[in-house]
Amino acid sequence: MARSNRSRSRAARAREEHPELDVERLTSGWRRTEVRGGREWNVQPVSEAQAAKAYLCPGCGQDVAPGVAHLVAWRADGVLGDAADLASRRHWHTHCWRIGAA
C-alpha cells in the first residue's frame, strides 16, 4: 500500500500540540495591581469553586464563607520582600474592597 506524502492538516497538528484549556482557571480572573492610599496592591479574584475555606474580611470584620467569590489582596511594594507580602495576604469581600476599606 502506498504511503501518502501529504502532511496532516493544521487542525490535526494543533489538537496534538496544545493541551486542553483549563476553563476554571480562565474564568477565575487574573491578578492585577491596584494603587490605594499611595500603596501598590496585588489583587487576585477567587471564584466560588476555588473558595474552599472561611476567612475573616478585614474590611467589615465578617466571615467570607466557603463557596463565596471574593478577592485576595497583598502588598506589591512592601519593604520586607515578596515572600513577606504574600504571607500577609488577606481575603476580602469584593464589595468591601471596592468601597475602599483598605
N, C-alpha and C. Protein backbone atom coordinates (compact mmCIF):
# COMPACT_ATOMS: atom_id res chain seq x y z
N MET A 1 0.84 -1.19 0.00
CA MET A 1 0.00 0.00 0.00
C MET A 1 0.89 1.25 0.00
N ALA A 2 0.59 2.19 -0.83
CA ALA A 2 1.39 3.39 -0.98
C ALA A 2 1.20 4.34 0.19
N ARG A 3 2.26 4.98 0.54
CA ARG A 3 2.24 5.95 1.64
C ARG A 3 1.93 7.33 1.08
N SER A 4 1.14 8.10 1.81
CA SER A 4 0.79 9.45 1.37
C SER A 4 1.88 10.42 1.76
N ASN A 5 2.25 11.30 0.87
CA ASN A 5 3.25 12.33 1.17
C ASN A 5 2.61 13.61 1.67
N ARG A 6 1.32 13.60 1.79
CA ARG A 6 0.61 14.79 2.24
C ARG A 6 0.76 14.94 3.75
N SER A 7 1.04 16.15 4.20
CA SER A 7 1.16 16.38 5.64
C SER A 7 -0.22 16.45 6.27
N ARG A 8 -0.24 16.22 7.56
CA ARG A 8 -1.52 16.30 8.28
C ARG A 8 -2.04 17.73 8.27
N SER A 9 -3.32 17.85 8.46
CA SER A 9 -3.92 19.19 8.45
C SER A 9 -3.45 20.00 9.65
N ARG A 10 -3.54 21.29 9.51
CA ARG A 10 -3.15 22.20 10.59
C ARG A 10 -4.00 21.96 11.83
N ALA A 11 -5.28 21.72 11.65
CA ALA A 11 -6.17 21.47 12.79
C ALA A 11 -5.77 20.21 13.54
N ALA A 12 -5.38 19.16 12.83
CA ALA A 12 -4.96 17.92 13.48
C ALA A 12 -3.68 18.14 14.28
N ARG A 13 -2.74 18.90 13.73
CA ARG A 13 -1.50 19.18 14.47
C ARG A 13 -1.78 20.03 15.69
N ALA A 14 -2.66 21.00 15.59
CA ALA A 14 -2.96 21.89 16.71
C ALA A 14 -3.58 21.11 17.86
N ARG A 15 -4.44 20.15 17.57
CA ARG A 15 -5.05 19.35 18.64
C ARG A 15 -4.01 18.54 19.37
N GLU A 16 -3.01 18.06 18.68
CA GLU A 16 -1.99 17.22 19.29
C GLU A 16 -0.96 18.02 20.06
N GLU A 17 -0.65 19.24 19.63
CA GLU A 17 0.44 20.00 20.22
C GLU A 17 0.04 20.84 21.42
N HIS A 18 -1.24 21.18 21.57
CA HIS A 18 -1.66 22.06 22.65
C HIS A 18 -2.50 21.30 23.67
N PRO A 19 -2.21 21.50 24.95
CA PRO A 19 -3.03 20.84 25.97
C PRO A 19 -4.42 21.46 26.02
N GLU A 20 -5.35 20.74 26.59
CA GLU A 20 -6.71 21.24 26.73
C GLU A 20 -6.73 22.43 27.68
N LEU A 21 -7.55 23.44 27.37
CA LEU A 21 -7.63 24.63 28.21
C LEU A 21 -8.30 24.33 29.54
N ASP A 22 -7.79 24.95 30.60
CA ASP A 22 -8.39 24.84 31.92
C ASP A 22 -9.41 25.96 32.05
N VAL A 23 -10.67 25.65 31.85
CA VAL A 23 -11.73 26.65 31.83
C VAL A 23 -11.87 27.34 33.19
N GLU A 24 -11.75 26.58 34.27
CA GLU A 24 -11.88 27.19 35.60
C GLU A 24 -10.81 28.24 35.84
N ARG A 25 -9.59 27.96 35.41
CA ARG A 25 -8.52 28.93 35.57
C ARG A 25 -8.80 30.18 34.76
N LEU A 26 -9.34 30.01 33.57
CA LEU A 26 -9.64 31.15 32.72
C LEU A 26 -10.78 32.00 33.27
N THR A 27 -11.78 31.37 33.89
CA THR A 27 -12.93 32.12 34.39
C THR A 27 -12.73 32.65 35.80
N SER A 28 -11.67 32.24 36.48
CA SER A 28 -11.47 32.67 37.86
C SER A 28 -10.94 34.10 37.95
N GLY A 29 -10.44 34.64 36.88
CA GLY A 29 -9.94 36.00 36.89
C GLY A 29 -8.43 36.03 36.95
N TRP A 30 -7.89 37.19 36.76
CA TRP A 30 -6.45 37.35 36.70
C TRP A 30 -6.00 38.32 37.79
N ARG A 31 -4.79 38.09 38.25
CA ARG A 31 -4.21 39.00 39.24
C ARG A 31 -3.94 40.33 38.57
N ARG A 32 -4.21 41.37 39.30
CA ARG A 32 -3.97 42.72 38.79
C ARG A 32 -3.30 43.54 39.89
N THR A 33 -2.81 44.68 39.54
CA THR A 33 -2.18 45.58 40.51
C THR A 33 -3.03 46.83 40.61
N GLU A 34 -3.29 47.26 41.86
CA GLU A 34 -4.06 48.49 42.11
C GLU A 34 -3.28 49.35 43.09
N VAL A 35 -3.51 50.66 43.01
CA VAL A 35 -2.90 51.59 43.95
C VAL A 35 -4.00 52.16 44.83
N ARG A 36 -3.82 52.04 46.14
CA ARG A 36 -4.77 52.56 47.12
C ARG A 36 -4.01 53.23 48.25
N GLY A 37 -4.39 54.43 48.55
CA GLY A 37 -3.75 55.16 49.64
C GLY A 37 -2.24 55.30 49.46
N GLY A 38 -1.78 55.42 48.22
CA GLY A 38 -0.36 55.57 47.96
C GLY A 38 0.41 54.27 48.02
N ARG A 39 -0.27 53.15 48.22
CA ARG A 39 0.38 51.84 48.27
C ARG A 39 -0.06 51.00 47.09
N GLU A 40 0.83 50.16 46.61
CA GLU A 40 0.53 49.27 45.50
C GLU A 40 0.11 47.90 46.04
N TRP A 41 -0.99 47.36 45.51
CA TRP A 41 -1.54 46.08 45.96
C TRP A 41 -1.70 45.12 44.80
N ASN A 42 -1.42 43.84 45.03
CA ASN A 42 -1.77 42.77 44.11
C ASN A 42 -3.16 42.30 44.51
N VAL A 43 -4.05 42.15 43.55
CA VAL A 43 -5.43 41.73 43.81
C VAL A 43 -5.73 40.53 42.92
N GLN A 44 -6.13 39.41 43.53
CA GLN A 44 -6.43 38.18 42.80
C GLN A 44 -7.85 37.75 43.10
N PRO A 45 -8.73 37.71 42.09
CA PRO A 45 -10.09 37.21 42.31
C PRO A 45 -10.07 35.71 42.63
N VAL A 46 -11.00 35.28 43.48
CA VAL A 46 -11.18 33.87 43.82
C VAL A 46 -12.62 33.51 43.46
N SER A 47 -12.79 32.48 42.63
CA SER A 47 -14.13 32.07 42.20
C SER A 47 -14.83 31.28 43.30
N GLU A 48 -16.13 31.06 43.12
CA GLU A 48 -16.91 30.27 44.07
C GLU A 48 -16.33 28.87 44.20
N ALA A 49 -15.93 28.27 43.10
CA ALA A 49 -15.39 26.91 43.11
C ALA A 49 -14.05 26.83 43.83
N GLN A 50 -13.27 27.90 43.79
CA GLN A 50 -11.96 27.91 44.44
C GLN A 50 -12.04 28.26 45.93
N ALA A 51 -13.13 28.85 46.37
CA ALA A 51 -13.26 29.30 47.76
C ALA A 51 -13.65 28.13 48.65
N ALA A 52 -12.66 27.47 49.23
CA ALA A 52 -12.90 26.25 49.99
C ALA A 52 -12.90 26.48 51.50
N LYS A 53 -12.36 27.58 51.97
CA LYS A 53 -12.26 27.83 53.42
C LYS A 53 -12.95 29.14 53.79
N ALA A 54 -13.21 29.29 55.06
CA ALA A 54 -13.77 30.55 55.58
C ALA A 54 -12.62 31.47 55.98
N TYR A 55 -12.78 32.75 55.73
CA TYR A 55 -11.79 33.77 56.08
C TYR A 55 -12.51 34.94 56.73
N LEU A 56 -11.77 35.75 57.45
CA LEU A 56 -12.32 36.95 58.06
C LEU A 56 -11.95 38.15 57.19
N CYS A 57 -12.95 38.86 56.70
CA CYS A 57 -12.73 40.02 55.85
C CYS A 57 -12.22 41.18 56.71
N PRO A 58 -11.05 41.75 56.39
CA PRO A 58 -10.55 42.87 57.18
C PRO A 58 -11.33 44.17 56.96
N GLY A 59 -12.13 44.23 55.90
CA GLY A 59 -12.90 45.43 55.62
C GLY A 59 -14.10 45.59 56.52
N CYS A 60 -14.85 44.49 56.74
CA CYS A 60 -16.08 44.56 57.52
C CYS A 60 -16.05 43.72 58.79
N GLY A 61 -15.05 42.87 58.93
CA GLY A 61 -14.95 42.03 60.11
C GLY A 61 -15.87 40.81 60.09
N GLN A 62 -16.54 40.57 58.96
CA GLN A 62 -17.45 39.43 58.84
C GLN A 62 -16.74 38.28 58.11
N ASP A 63 -17.32 37.08 58.23
CA ASP A 63 -16.75 35.92 57.56
C ASP A 63 -16.95 35.99 56.05
N VAL A 64 -15.93 35.55 55.32
CA VAL A 64 -16.05 35.26 53.89
C VAL A 64 -16.26 33.74 53.87
N ALA A 65 -17.49 33.32 53.66
CA ALA A 65 -17.86 31.91 53.79
C ALA A 65 -17.30 31.08 52.63
N PRO A 66 -17.10 29.78 52.85
CA PRO A 66 -16.70 28.91 51.74
C PRO A 66 -17.74 28.94 50.62
N GLY A 67 -17.30 28.91 49.40
CA GLY A 67 -18.21 28.94 48.26
C GLY A 67 -18.63 30.32 47.83
N VAL A 68 -18.08 31.37 48.45
CA VAL A 68 -18.41 32.75 48.11
C VAL A 68 -17.23 33.35 47.33
N ALA A 69 -17.50 33.88 46.15
CA ALA A 69 -16.46 34.54 45.37
C ALA A 69 -15.97 35.77 46.13
N HIS A 70 -14.66 35.99 46.11
CA HIS A 70 -14.09 37.12 46.84
C HIS A 70 -12.73 37.48 46.23
N LEU A 71 -11.98 38.35 46.88
CA LEU A 71 -10.67 38.78 46.40
C LEU A 71 -9.61 38.49 47.45
N VAL A 72 -8.41 38.24 46.99
CA VAL A 72 -7.26 38.14 47.87
C VAL A 72 -6.36 39.32 47.53
N ALA A 73 -5.91 40.06 48.53
CA ALA A 73 -5.07 41.24 48.28
C ALA A 73 -3.84 41.19 49.17
N TRP A 74 -2.70 41.61 48.60
CA TRP A 74 -1.47 41.71 49.36
C TRP A 74 -0.62 42.81 48.76
N ARG A 75 0.26 43.37 49.60
CA ARG A 75 1.10 44.49 49.19
C ARG A 75 2.02 44.10 48.04
N ALA A 76 2.18 44.97 47.10
CA ALA A 76 3.08 44.73 45.98
C ALA A 76 4.37 45.52 46.14
N ASP A 77 4.39 46.42 47.12
CA ASP A 77 5.55 47.30 47.27
C ASP A 77 6.10 47.30 48.70
N GLY A 78 5.93 46.20 49.40
CA GLY A 78 6.40 46.12 50.79
C GLY A 78 7.91 46.12 50.88
N VAL A 79 8.43 46.60 51.99
CA VAL A 79 9.87 46.71 52.18
C VAL A 79 10.50 45.40 52.64
N LEU A 80 9.71 44.45 53.10
CA LEU A 80 10.25 43.19 53.60
C LEU A 80 10.38 42.12 52.53
N GLY A 81 9.95 42.41 51.31
CA GLY A 81 10.12 41.48 50.21
C GLY A 81 8.83 40.78 49.83
N ASP A 82 8.88 40.11 48.69
CA ASP A 82 7.69 39.45 48.14
C ASP A 82 7.16 38.34 49.03
N ALA A 83 8.05 37.55 49.62
CA ALA A 83 7.60 36.43 50.46
C ALA A 83 6.82 36.93 51.67
N ALA A 84 7.28 37.99 52.30
CA ALA A 84 6.58 38.55 53.46
C ALA A 84 5.24 39.16 53.05
N ASP A 85 5.21 39.84 51.90
CA ASP A 85 3.97 40.42 51.41
C ASP A 85 2.94 39.34 51.11
N LEU A 86 3.37 38.28 50.46
CA LEU A 86 2.47 37.18 50.13
C LEU A 86 1.96 36.48 51.39
N ALA A 87 2.80 36.35 52.39
CA ALA A 87 2.39 35.72 53.65
C ALA A 87 1.35 36.56 54.40
N SER A 88 1.35 37.87 54.15
CA SER A 88 0.40 38.74 54.84
C SER A 88 -0.85 39.04 54.01
N ARG A 89 -1.10 38.25 52.99
CA ARG A 89 -2.28 38.47 52.14
C ARG A 89 -3.56 38.26 52.94
N ARG A 90 -4.62 38.95 52.51
CA ARG A 90 -5.91 38.88 53.20
C ARG A 90 -7.02 38.66 52.19
N HIS A 91 -8.05 37.95 52.62
CA HIS A 91 -9.22 37.65 51.79
C HIS A 91 -10.31 38.67 52.10
N TRP A 92 -10.78 39.36 51.09
CA TRP A 92 -11.76 40.44 51.21
C TRP A 92 -13.04 40.09 50.47
N HIS A 93 -14.18 40.53 51.00
CA HIS A 93 -15.40 40.53 50.19
C HIS A 93 -15.14 41.49 49.03
N THR A 94 -15.62 41.16 47.86
CA THR A 94 -15.41 42.02 46.70
C THR A 94 -15.96 43.42 46.96
N HIS A 95 -17.13 43.50 47.56
CA HIS A 95 -17.74 44.80 47.85
C HIS A 95 -16.88 45.61 48.82
N CYS A 96 -16.38 44.98 49.87
CA CYS A 96 -15.56 45.69 50.85
C CYS A 96 -14.29 46.27 50.19
N TRP A 97 -13.68 45.50 49.30
CA TRP A 97 -12.50 46.01 48.60
C TRP A 97 -12.86 47.18 47.70
N ARG A 98 -13.98 47.07 46.99
CA ARG A 98 -14.38 48.13 46.05
C ARG A 98 -14.70 49.44 46.74
N ILE A 99 -15.28 49.40 47.93
CA ILE A 99 -15.62 50.65 48.60
C ILE A 99 -14.42 51.29 49.26
N GLY A 100 -13.28 50.63 49.16
CA GLY A 100 -12.04 51.25 49.63
C GLY A 100 -11.77 51.10 51.11
N ALA A 101 -12.13 49.97 51.66
CA ALA A 101 -11.91 49.76 53.09
C ALA A 101 -10.45 49.47 53.42
N ALA A 102 -9.58 49.39 52.41
CA ALA A 102 -8.16 49.09 52.66
C ALA A 102 -7.45 50.28 53.27
